[in-house]
Amino acid sequence: MVRVLQRPLEEIGGQVGALRALGVTDSITISFHLAFYAGIVLSLSVPALFPRAIRSPSPDRGGEKVLFPAIGVSFALFLIGVLCCYYWLLPKTILFSLTTPSR
């Protein structure tokens, strides 16, 4: 997971140095934080796997025709947003924040 997050830094090239852990426990703390947030992101798709719980209270079955395509489209849009941020926005943000002089 750390290598996936460091990939945009490698794409920028020599303009950015390597990431460094400054404290003794920083590397393990970063690993725990990454695992925690990755678990949150991956668990957000779990409710999409159980559409029967959403549609079971409805008296008619006409909602099934709309529910399954809506789940697929919303998941696809979520993935497009994540990939857009990872490949387009994150490298530009890192480069901007490291080249802008601080006051």
Protein backbone atom coordinates (compact mmCIF):
# COMPACT_ATOMS: atom_id res chain seq x y z
CA MET A 1 0.00 0.00 0.00
CA VAL A 2 2.87 2.36 0.75
CA ARG A 3 4.34 1.70 -2.70
CA VAL A 4 1.02 2.56 -4.32
CA LEU A 5 1.00 5.89 -2.49
CA GLN A 6 4.63 6.61 -3.37
CA ARG A 7 4.11 6.03 -7.08
CA PRO A 8 3.00 9.63 -7.85
CA LEU A 9 6.22 10.83 -6.20
CA GLU A 10 8.26 8.63 -8.54
CA GLU A 11 6.36 9.93 -11.57
CA ILE A 12 7.27 13.51 -10.68
CA GLY A 13 10.92 12.54 -10.84
CA GLY A 14 13.96 14.08 -9.26
CA GLN A 15 12.13 17.19 -8.14
CA VAL A 16 10.97 15.45 -4.98
CA GLY A 17 13.10 13.56 -2.48
CA ALA A 18 12.20 10.25 -0.90
CA LEU A 19 9.74 10.01 1.95
CA ARG A 20 11.35 9.68 5.35
CA ALA A 21 10.08 8.63 8.75
CA LEU A 22 11.43 11.09 11.28
CA GLY A 23 10.34 9.34 14.48
CA VAL A 24 11.04 5.89 15.80
CA THR A 25 7.45 4.70 15.52
CA ASP A 26 6.46 6.69 12.42
CA SER A 27 6.75 3.82 9.96
CA ILE A 28 4.47 1.50 11.94
CA THR A 29 2.03 4.32 12.65
CA ILE A 30 1.84 5.16 8.96
CA SER A 31 1.23 1.49 8.15
CA PHE A 32 -1.64 1.34 10.64
CA HIS A 33 -3.18 4.54 9.30
CA LEU A 34 -2.95 3.27 5.73
CA ALA A 35 -4.57 -0.03 6.68
CA PHE A 36 -7.33 1.80 8.55
CA TYR A 37 -8.20 4.18 5.71
CA ALA A 38 -7.92 1.45 3.06
CA GLY A 39 -10.35 -0.62 5.12
CA ILE A 40 -12.80 2.28 5.22
CA VAL A 41 -12.61 2.81 1.45
CA LEU A 42 -13.00 -0.89 0.70
CA SER A 43 -15.87 -1.32 3.14
CA LEU A 44 -17.86 1.48 1.49
CA SER A 45 -18.71 -0.89 -1.36
CA VAL A 46 -20.19 -3.54 0.97
CA PRO A 47 -23.67 -1.94 1.18
CA ALA A 48 -23.84 -2.14 -2.61
CA LEU A 49 -23.59 -5.92 -2.35
CA PHE A 50 -26.80 -6.15 -0.35
CA PRO A 51 -29.48 -4.43 -2.44
CA ARG A 52 -32.15 -6.88 -1.24
CA ALA A 53 -32.17 -5.19 2.15
CA ILE A 54 -32.86 -1.88 0.44
CA ARG A 55 -35.63 -3.07 -1.86
CA SER A 56 -37.37 -5.63 0.36
CA PRO A 57 -39.63 -3.11 2.17
CA SER A 58 -40.98 -1.78 -1.12
CA PRO A 59 -44.42 -3.12 -2.08
CA ASP A 60 -43.73 -3.22 -5.81
CA ARG A 61 -40.89 -4.87 -7.69
CA GLY A 62 -40.47 -2.07 -10.20
CA GLY A 63 -37.57 -0.69 -8.20
CA GLU A 64 -35.38 -3.63 -9.18
CA LYS A 65 -35.11 -2.32 -12.73
CA VAL A 66 -33.61 0.92 -11.47
CA LEU A 67 -31.67 -0.26 -8.43
CA PHE A 68 -29.10 -2.56 -10.01
CA PRO A 69 -28.06 -0.20 -12.83
CA ALA A 70 -27.89 2.67 -10.32
CA ILE A 71 -25.53 0.68 -8.09
CA GLY A 72 -23.31 -0.16 -11.06
CA VAL A 73 -23.21 3.40 -12.34
CA SER A 74 -22.49 4.87 -8.90
CA PHE A 75 -19.65 2.41 -8.32
CA ALA A 76 -18.18 3.17 -11.76
CA LEU A 77 -18.35 6.92 -11.09
CA PHE A 78 -16.67 6.41 -7.71
CA LEU A 79 -13.82 4.49 -9.35
CA ILE A 80 -13.44 7.12 -12.06
CA GLY A 81 -13.18 9.82 -9.39
CA VAL A 82 -10.58 7.88 -7.40
CA LEU A 83 -8.47 7.19 -10.50
CA CYS A 84 -8.75 10.79 -11.68
CA CYS A 85 -7.54 12.08 -8.33
CA TYR A 86 -4.73 9.52 -8.14
CA TYR A 87 -3.31 9.93 -11.65
CA TRP A 88 -4.09 13.57 -12.40
CA LEU A 89 -4.68 15.62 -9.27
CA LEU A 90 -2.30 14.07 -6.73
CA PRO A 91 0.97 14.52 -8.71
CA LYS A 92 0.12 18.14 -9.48
CA THR A 93 -0.79 18.83 -5.86
CA ILE A 94 2.41 17.27 -4.55
CA LEU A 95 4.51 19.20 -7.04
CA PHE A 96 2.74 22.47 -6.19
CA SER A 97 3.07 22.01 -2.45
CA LEU A 98 6.77 21.14 -2.64
CA THR A 99 7.79 23.90 -5.06
CA THR A 100 5.82 26.74 -3.45
CA PRO A 101 8.02 28.63 -0.98
CA SER A 102 6.70 28.71 2.55
CA ARG A 103 6.51 31.96 4.49
